[in-house]
Protein backbone atom coordinates (compact mmCIF):
# COMPACT_ATOMS: atom_id res chain seq x y z
CA MET A 1 114.80 193.97 268.88
CA VAL A 2 118.59 195.03 267.88
CA SER A 3 121.31 192.62 268.45
CA GLU A 4 124.44 192.97 270.42
CA ALA A 5 126.29 192.66 266.97
CA SER A 6 124.17 195.07 265.38
CA LYS A 7 124.79 197.63 268.27
CA GLY A 8 128.69 196.99 268.20
CA ILE A 9 128.87 197.42 264.31
CA THR A 10 126.85 200.74 264.99
CA ILE A 11 129.67 201.92 267.49
CA ILE A 12 132.15 200.95 265.30
CA LEU A 13 130.98 202.75 262.28
CA SER A 14 130.40 205.77 264.46
CA ILE A 15 134.10 205.88 265.63
CA VAL A 16 135.14 205.47 262.01
CA LEU A 17 133.47 208.03 260.21
CA SER A 18 134.09 210.56 263.43
CA PHE A 19 137.84 209.41 263.07
CA LEU A 20 137.82 210.13 258.98
CA ALA A 21 135.89 213.56 259.46
CA PHE A 22 138.70 214.25 261.93
CA VAL A 23 141.65 213.11 259.16
CA ILE A 24 140.07 215.17 256.67
CA ALA A 25 139.74 218.22 258.79
CA LEU A 26 143.27 217.89 259.59
CA PHE A 27 144.54 217.72 256.17
CA SER A 28 142.61 221.15 255.34
CA TRP A 29 144.10 222.69 258.09
CA LEU A 30 147.54 221.35 257.31
CA GLU A 31 146.99 222.46 253.74
CA ARG A 32 146.09 225.99 254.90
CA SER A 33 148.64 226.27 257.17
CA GLN A 34 151.51 225.63 254.71
CA ASN A 35 149.88 228.08 251.93
CA THR A 36 149.84 230.78 254.87
CA TYR A 37 153.69 229.99 255.93
CA VAL A 38 154.49 229.93 251.96
CA VAL A 39 152.97 233.18 251.81
CA ARG A 40 154.41 234.81 254.74
CA VAL A 41 157.66 233.24 253.84
CA ASN A 42 157.69 234.72 250.18
CA TYR A 43 156.23 238.25 251.36
CA ASP A 44 159.16 238.61 253.83
CA ARG A 45 161.70 237.94 251.09
CA LEU A 46 160.35 240.28 248.43
CA SER A 47 158.79 243.24 250.47
CA ASN A 48 162.44 244.55 251.25
CA GLY A 49 162.72 248.10 249.22
CA ILE A 50 159.02 247.82 248.07
CA GLU A 51 156.48 251.22 249.38
CA GLU A 52 154.56 250.81 252.09
CA ASN A 53 151.68 251.42 249.76
CA LYS A 54 152.60 248.55 247.55
CA LYS A 55 153.13 246.10 249.90
CA PRO A 56 149.49 245.10 250.19
CA LEU A 57 149.31 244.64 246.26
CA LEU A 58 152.51 242.32 246.37
CA LYS A 59 151.03 239.99 249.24
CA ALA A 60 147.82 240.07 246.79
CA LEU A 61 150.09 238.70 243.88
CA ILE A 62 151.67 236.43 246.28
CA ILE A 63 148.45 234.77 247.64
CA MET A 64 147.70 234.21 243.84
CA LYS A 65 150.87 232.39 242.93
CA ALA A 66 150.35 230.76 246.29
CA LYS A 67 146.89 229.28 245.44
CA ASN A 68 148.18 228.23 241.91
CA GLU A 69 151.80 227.28 241.51
CA GLU A 70 151.62 225.81 238.23
CA TYR A 71 150.25 228.96 236.28
CA ASN A 72 152.79 231.94 235.58
CA LEU A 73 151.17 235.30 236.73
CA GLU A 74 152.19 236.92 233.57
CA ARG A 75 150.17 234.55 231.56
CA ILE A 76 147.23 235.08 233.39
CA TYR A 77 147.68 238.84 233.26
CA LYS A 78 147.97 238.68 229.32
CA MET A 79 144.84 236.34 229.28
CA ASN A 80 142.59 238.51 231.74
CA GLU A 81 143.94 242.02 232.96
CA SER A 82 141.13 242.87 234.76
CA MET A 83 142.07 240.33 237.54
CA PHE A 84 145.05 242.62 238.25
CA THR A 85 143.42 245.87 238.62
CA LYS A 86 143.92 247.58 242.20
CA GLU A 87 140.63 246.82 243.57
CA LYS A 88 140.65 243.28 242.60
CA LEU A 89 144.14 242.35 244.14
CA LEU A 90 142.96 244.15 247.20
CA GLU A 91 139.83 242.00 247.43
CA LYS A 92 142.49 238.78 246.89
CA LEU A 93 143.97 239.74 250.90
CA TYR A 94 140.28 239.21 252.40
CA GLU A 95 139.14 235.88 250.39
């Protein structure tokens, strides 16, 4: 037979694990929301005066920068130019 204490511990453990899963999901959502906000604000600020057909490329570059702010895109370009082809940049819009 399972004791009352074991049942209580099982219930408490279930509640704690559920709460922990919720907190992890919340932090994940907050991080995505912040990145979306950063991309939107920078795109709105930088897209004025840009030709319509080049705006998706601008947004892709902003997304790349928002994902990893500590590295300079120009430096990355010099290391691997193939990441910056029109096709590769447009793929970034749908990752």
